[in-house]
């Protein structure tokens, strides 16, 4: 069974990877992206 917890954990993994790959960009862009994700959930 695929639970909300599993989906959330996977989302966090992907977010961590995305954050590392764009670490050279300004943090304002990261914060805007995280707010978008928060609204979707």
Protein backbone atom coordinates (compact mmCIF):
# COMPACT_ATOMS: atom_id res chain seq x y z
CA UNK A 1 0.00 0.00 0.00
CA UNK A 2 1.25 3.46 -0.95
CA UNK A 3 0.67 5.86 1.91
CA UNK A 4 0.71 9.64 2.27
CA UNK A 5 3.78 9.23 4.48
CA UNK A 6 5.62 7.36 1.72
CA UNK A 7 4.64 9.99 -0.84
CA UNK A 8 5.79 12.76 1.50
CA UNK A 9 9.12 11.05 2.16
CA UNK A 10 9.69 10.67 -1.59
CA UNK A 11 8.80 14.33 -2.14
CA UNK A 12 11.36 15.36 0.47
CA UNK A 13 14.05 13.22 -1.20
CA UNK A 14 13.37 14.85 -4.56
CA UNK A 15 13.32 18.28 -2.96
CA UNK A 16 16.70 17.65 -1.30
CA UNK A 17 18.18 16.61 -4.65
CA UNK A 18 16.70 19.68 -6.34
CA UNK A 19 18.05 21.95 -3.60
CA UNK A 20 21.55 20.51 -4.02
CA UNK A 21 21.47 20.81 -7.81
CA UNK A 22 20.49 24.49 -7.67
CA UNK A 23 22.63 25.44 -4.65
CA UNK A 24 24.50 28.01 -6.75
CA UNK A 25 21.32 30.04 -7.35
CA UNK A 26 19.98 32.75 -5.01
CA UNK A 27 17.97 31.44 -2.05
CA UNK A 28 14.95 33.61 -2.96
CA UNK A 29 14.26 31.30 -5.91
CA UNK A 30 14.34 28.25 -3.62
CA UNK A 31 11.97 29.85 -1.14
CA UNK A 32 9.45 30.70 -3.88
CA UNK A 33 9.58 27.11 -5.15
CA UNK A 34 9.02 25.68 -1.68
CA UNK A 35 5.97 27.90 -1.16
CA UNK A 36 4.49 26.59 -4.41
CA UNK A 37 4.97 23.00 -3.23
CA UNK A 38 3.39 23.77 0.14
CA UNK A 39 0.24 25.12 -1.53
CA UNK A 40 -0.13 21.98 -3.69
CA UNK A 41 -0.16 19.70 -0.65
